C-alpha cells in the first residue's frame, strides 16, 4: 500500500482550464466583451469523490479577476476539501449589478415585448350581476 493522497493541489494546466471556463460562462451568458472587465471567479480544485475516503485533502481555491481583455490570477489559497465536496471542480463567476443587467438585456434582445392586455370585465364582474347567497336564495343586484 502506498498510503493515502492528502494533497490535491492545482497546476498551471488546471488554472488555464479555469480561466477558459470562466470566459466561456461570460460568453454563454451573452455579456459583451466590453462589459466583462471586473468580473471575478472563485475556483476550486478536485476533491475525493469516492465514499472510501474518510478524510479531507488539501486543495486550492483560485481567485480570478477579469482585466480588460484577459483574466488574471489574483490569489491562490490552500483549503481543505472533503469527500464529495460541493465546491470541488467548480468555477463560480460573480458579476456586478450593471453586468447582470447587461446579461438580462442580451438574453431578452431577440424577443419582442407583448403589449399589456387591457383589463376586461367578465360576465360576473360588476355591480349589476344577480347572484345567489349561501342558502341558495337569489339576490338581485342593486
C-alpha atoms as a PDB file:
ATOM      1  CA  UNK A   1       0.000   0.000   0.000  1.00  0.00           C
ATOM      2  CA  UNK A   2       1.326   3.420  -0.964  1.00  0.00           C
ATOM      3  CA  UNK A   3      -0.564   5.375   1.693  1.00  0.00           C
ATOM      4  CA  UNK A   4      -3.251   7.932   1.174  1.00  0.00           C
ATOM      5  CA  UNK A   5      -3.136  11.007  -1.060  1.00  0.00           C
ATOM      6  CA  UNK A   6      -3.647  14.132   1.002  1.00  0.00           C
ATOM      7  CA  UNK A   7      -2.663  16.938  -1.378  1.00  0.00           C
ATOM      8  CA  UNK A   8      -4.793  17.617  -4.438  1.00  0.00           C
ATOM      9  CA  UNK A   9      -3.355  20.987  -5.420  1.00  0.00           C
ATOM     10  CA  UNK A  10      -3.551  22.674  -8.801  1.00  0.00           C
ATOM     11  CA  UNK A  11      -1.066  23.135 -11.598  1.00  0.00           C
ATOM     12  CA  UNK A  12      -0.776  25.671 -14.402  1.00  0.00           C
ATOM     13  CA  UNK A  13      -2.772  23.476 -16.808  1.00  0.00           C
ATOM     14  CA  UNK A  14      -5.762  23.348 -14.447  1.00  0.00           C
ATOM     15  CA  UNK A  15      -5.591  27.121 -13.819  1.00  0.00           C
ATOM     16  CA  UNK A  16      -5.709  27.710 -17.592  1.00  0.00           C
ATOM     17  CA  UNK A  17      -8.787  25.457 -17.779  1.00  0.00           C
ATOM     18  CA  UNK A  18     -10.386  27.535 -15.012  1.00  0.00           C
ATOM     19  CA  UNK A  19      -9.676  30.747 -16.960  1.00  0.00           C
ATOM     20  CA  UNK A  20     -11.244  29.312 -20.112  1.00  0.00           C
ATOM     21  CA  UNK A  21     -14.251  28.038 -18.169  1.00  0.00           C
ATOM     22  CA  UNK A  22     -14.837  31.486 -16.607  1.00  0.00           C
ATOM     23  CA  UNK A  23     -14.584  33.195 -20.003  1.00  0.00           C
ATOM     24  CA  UNK A  24     -16.911  30.603 -21.514  1.00  0.00           C
ATOM     25  CA  UNK A  25     -19.525  31.332 -18.855  1.00  0.00           C
ATOM     26  CA  UNK A  26     -19.446  35.048 -19.707  1.00  0.00           C
ATOM     27  CA  UNK A  27     -19.679  34.303 -23.417  1.00  0.00           C
ATOM     28  CA  UNK A  28     -22.556  31.852 -22.926  1.00  0.00           C
ATOM     29  CA  UNK A  29     -24.402  34.458 -20.836  1.00  0.00           C
ATOM     30  CA  UNK A  30     -24.196  36.885 -23.751  1.00  0.00           C
ATOM     31  CA  UNK A  31     -22.236  39.547 -21.861  1.00  0.00           C
ATOM     32  CA  UNK A  32     -20.480  41.733 -24.446  1.00  0.00           C
ATOM     33  CA  UNK A  33     -16.682  41.668 -24.184  1.00  0.00           C
ATOM     34  CA  UNK A  34     -16.542  45.403 -23.460  1.00  0.00           C
ATOM     35  CA  UNK A  35     -18.511  44.859 -20.231  1.00  0.00           C
ATOM     36  CA  UNK A  36     -16.604  41.844 -18.897  1.00  0.00           C
ATOM     37  CA  UNK A  37     -13.933  43.777 -17.001  1.00  0.00           C
ATOM     38  CA  UNK A  38     -14.121  43.458 -13.185  1.00  0.00           C
ATOM     39  CA  UNK A  39     -15.918  40.096 -13.274  1.00  0.00           C
ATOM     40  CA  UNK A  40     -14.460  37.712 -10.709  1.00  0.00           C
ATOM     41  CA  UNK A  41     -14.347  33.940 -10.388  1.00  0.00           C
ATOM     42  CA  UNK A  42     -13.828  31.629  -7.437  1.00  0.00           C
ATOM     43  CA  UNK A  43     -12.470  28.228  -8.444  1.00  0.00           C
ATOM     44  CA  UNK A  44     -11.701  25.059  -6.507  1.00  0.00           C
ATOM     45  CA  UNK A  45      -9.562  22.041  -7.287  1.00  0.00           C
ATOM     46  CA  UNK A  46     -10.786  18.457  -7.217  1.00  0.00           C
ATOM     47  CA  UNK A  47     -11.798  16.542  -4.110  1.00  0.00           C
ATOM     48  CA  UNK A  48     -12.226  12.837  -3.427  1.00  0.00           C
ATOM     49  CA  UNK A  49     -15.401  11.502  -4.968  1.00  0.00           C
ATOM     50  CA  UNK A  50     -15.402   8.025  -3.524  1.00  0.00           C
ATOM     51  CA  UNK A  51     -17.068   7.175  -0.241  1.00  0.00           C
ATOM     52  CA  UNK A  52     -13.944   5.195   0.676  1.00  0.00           C
ATOM     53  CA  UNK A  53     -12.184   8.453   1.550  1.00  0.00           C
ATOM     54  CA  UNK A  54     -12.889   9.204   5.187  1.00  0.00           C
ATOM     55  CA  UNK A  55     -10.674  12.278   5.379  1.00  0.00           C
ATOM     56  CA  UNK A  56     -10.210  15.601   3.680  1.00  0.00           C
ATOM     57  CA  UNK A  57      -7.455  16.604   1.303  1.00  0.00           C
ATOM     58  CA  UNK A  58      -5.506  19.798   0.841  1.00  0.00           C
ATOM     59  CA  UNK A  59      -6.705  21.588  -2.261  1.00  0.00           C
ATOM     60  CA  UNK A  60      -6.680  25.099  -3.681  1.00  0.00           C
ATOM     61  CA  UNK A  61      -9.089  27.973  -4.000  1.00  0.00           C
ATOM     62  CA  UNK A  62      -8.086  30.065  -7.004  1.00  0.00           C
ATOM     63  CA  UNK A  63      -9.355  33.653  -7.295  1.00  0.00           C
ATOM     64  CA  UNK A  64      -9.555  35.183 -10.771  1.00  0.00           C
ATOM     65  CA  UNK A  65     -10.415  38.673 -11.993  1.00  0.00           C
ATOM     66  CA  UNK A  66     -11.103  39.928 -15.498  1.00  0.00           C
ATOM     67  CA  UNK A  67      -8.992  42.931 -16.505  1.00  0.00           C
ATOM     68  CA  UNK A  68      -9.636  44.484 -19.908  1.00  0.00           C
ATOM     69  CA  UNK A  69      -9.257  41.595 -22.334  1.00  0.00           C
ATOM     70  CA  UNK A  70      -7.795  38.901 -20.099  1.00  0.00           C
ATOM     71  CA  UNK A  71      -8.238  37.036 -16.841  1.00  0.00           C
ATOM     72  CA  UNK A  72      -5.571  37.202 -14.138  1.00  0.00           C
ATOM     73  CA  UNK A  73      -4.956  35.076 -11.086  1.00  0.00           C
ATOM     74  CA  UNK A  74      -5.251  37.393  -8.080  1.00  0.00           C
ATOM     75  CA  UNK A  75      -4.921  34.767  -5.375  1.00  0.00           C
ATOM     76  CA  UNK A  76      -4.376  31.124  -4.585  1.00  0.00           C
ATOM     77  CA  UNK A  77      -5.226  29.781  -1.149  1.00  0.00           C
ATOM     78  CA  UNK A  78      -4.851  26.392   0.452  1.00  0.00           C
ATOM     79  CA  UNK A  79      -8.178  24.931   1.600  1.00  0.00           C
ATOM     80  CA  UNK A  80      -9.435  21.641   2.988  1.00  0.00           C
ATOM     81  CA  UNK A  81     -11.762  19.783   0.652  1.00  0.00           C
ATOM     82  CA  UNK A  82     -13.709  16.792   1.867  1.00  0.00           C
ATOM     83  CA  UNK A  83     -15.091  13.767   0.031  1.00  0.00           C
ATOM     84  CA  UNK A  84     -17.854  14.778  -2.388  1.00  0.00           C
ATOM     85  CA  UNK A  85     -17.327  18.450  -1.504  1.00  0.00           C
ATOM     86  CA  UNK A  86     -19.874  20.572  -3.420  1.00  0.00           C
ATOM     87  CA  UNK A  87     -17.210  23.189  -4.205  1.00  0.00           C
ATOM     88  CA  UNK A  88     -14.854  20.749  -5.950  1.00  0.00           C
ATOM     89  CA  UNK A  89     -14.063  21.411  -9.606  1.00  0.00           C
ATOM     90  CA  UNK A  90     -16.361  24.460  -9.684  1.00  0.00           C
ATOM     91  CA  UNK A  91     -15.750  27.798 -11.369  1.00  0.00           C
ATOM     92  CA  UNK A  92     -18.204  30.317  -9.936  1.00  0.00           C
ATOM     93  CA  UNK A  93     -18.289  33.661 -11.749  1.00  0.00           C
ATOM     94  CA  UNK A  94     -19.568  36.788  -9.979  1.00  0.00           C
ATOM     95  CA  UNK A  95     -20.811  39.895 -11.765  1.00  0.00           C
ATOM     96  CA  UNK A  96     -21.605  43.456 -10.756  1.00  0.00           C
ATOM     97  CA  UNK A  97     -25.217  44.674 -10.781  1.00  0.00           C
ATOM     98  CA  UNK A  98     -24.576  46.554 -14.050  1.00  0.00           C
ATOM     99  CA  UNK A  99     -23.152  43.412 -15.668  1.00  0.00           C
ATOM    100  CA  UNK A 100     -26.191  41.400 -14.565  1.00  0.00           C
ATOM    101  CA  UNK A 101     -28.446  43.997 -16.218  1.00  0.00           C
ATOM    102  CA  UNK A 102     -26.400  43.678 -19.427  1.00  0.00           C
ATOM    103  CA  UNK A 103     -26.835  39.882 -19.325  1.00  0.00           C
ATOM    104  CA  UNK A 104     -30.601  40.318 -18.889  1.00  0.00           C
ATOM    105  CA  UNK A 105     -30.711  42.741 -21.811  1.00  0.00           C
ATOM    106  CA  UNK A 106     -28.691  40.364 -24.003  1.00  0.00           C
ATOM    107  CA  UNK A 107     -30.991  37.467 -23.120  1.00  0.00           C
ATOM    108  CA  UNK A 108     -34.127  39.482 -23.927  1.00  0.00           C
ATOM    109  CA  UNK A 109     -32.769  41.165 -27.096  1.00  0.00           C
ATOM    110  CA  UNK A 110     -34.113  38.612 -29.618  1.00  0.00           C
ATOM    111  CA  UNK A 111     -37.650  38.868 -28.280  1.00  0.00           C
ATOM    112  CA  UNK A 112     -40.384  41.432 -28.889  1.00  0.00           C
ATOM    113  CA  UNK A 113     -42.336  42.774 -25.948  1.00  0.00           C
ATOM    114  CA  UNK A 114     -46.010  41.852 -25.976  1.00  0.00           C
ATOM    115  CA  UNK A 115     -48.432  44.701 -25.394  1.00  0.00           C
ATOM    116  CA  UNK A 116     -50.027  44.644 -21.986  1.00  0.00           C
ATOM    117  CA  UNK A 117     -53.586  43.325 -22.300  1.00  0.00           C
ATOM    118  CA  UNK A 118     -56.314  45.742 -21.374  1.00  0.00           C
ATOM    119  CA  UNK A 119     -58.363  44.693 -18.380  1.00  0.00           C
ATOM    120  CA  UNK A 120     -61.642  43.172 -19.407  1.00  0.00           C
ATOM    121  CA  UNK A 121     -64.754  42.824 -17.353  1.00  0.00           C
ATOM    122  CA  UNK A 122     -66.033  39.266 -17.112  1.00  0.00           C
ATOM    123  CA  UNK A 123     -69.713  38.320 -17.006  1.00  0.00           C
ATOM    124  CA  UNK A 124     -69.642  38.065 -13.215  1.00  0.00           C
ATOM    125  CA  UNK A 125     -67.737  41.286 -12.603  1.00  0.00           C
ATOM    126  CA  UNK A 126     -69.567  44.490 -11.976  1.00  0.00           C
ATOM    127  CA  UNK A 127     -72.288  45.957  -9.797  1.00  0.00           C
ATOM    128  CA  UNK A 128     -75.385  44.739 -11.700  1.00  0.00           C
ATOM    129  CA  UNK A 129     -74.951  40.964 -11.549  1.00  0.00           C
ATOM    130  CA  UNK A 130     -77.560  38.775  -9.838  1.00  0.00           C
ATOM    131  CA  UNK A 131     -76.123  36.105  -7.558  1.00  0.00           C
ATOM    132  CA  UNK A 132     -77.136  33.502  -5.003  1.00  0.00           C
ATOM    133  CA  UNK A 133     -76.346  33.641  -1.299  1.00  0.00           C
ATOM    134  CA  UNK A 134     -75.071  30.733   0.820  1.00  0.00           C
ATOM    135  CA  UNK A 135     -78.602  29.336   1.316  1.00  0.00           C
ATOM    136  CA  UNK A 136     -79.340  29.351  -2.433  1.00  0.00           C
ATOM    137  CA  UNK A 137     -81.671  32.391  -2.436  1.00  0.00           C
ATOM    138  CA  UNK A 138     -81.451  34.649  -5.471  1.00  0.00           C
ATOM    139  CA  UNK A 139     -80.110  38.093  -4.589  1.00  0.00           C
ATOM    140  CA  UNK A 140     -80.989  40.850  -7.064  1.00  0.00           C
ATOM    141  CA  UNK A 141     -78.317  43.288  -7.984  1.00  0.00           C
ATOM    142  CA  UNK A 142     -78.577  46.739  -6.527  1.00  0.00           C
END
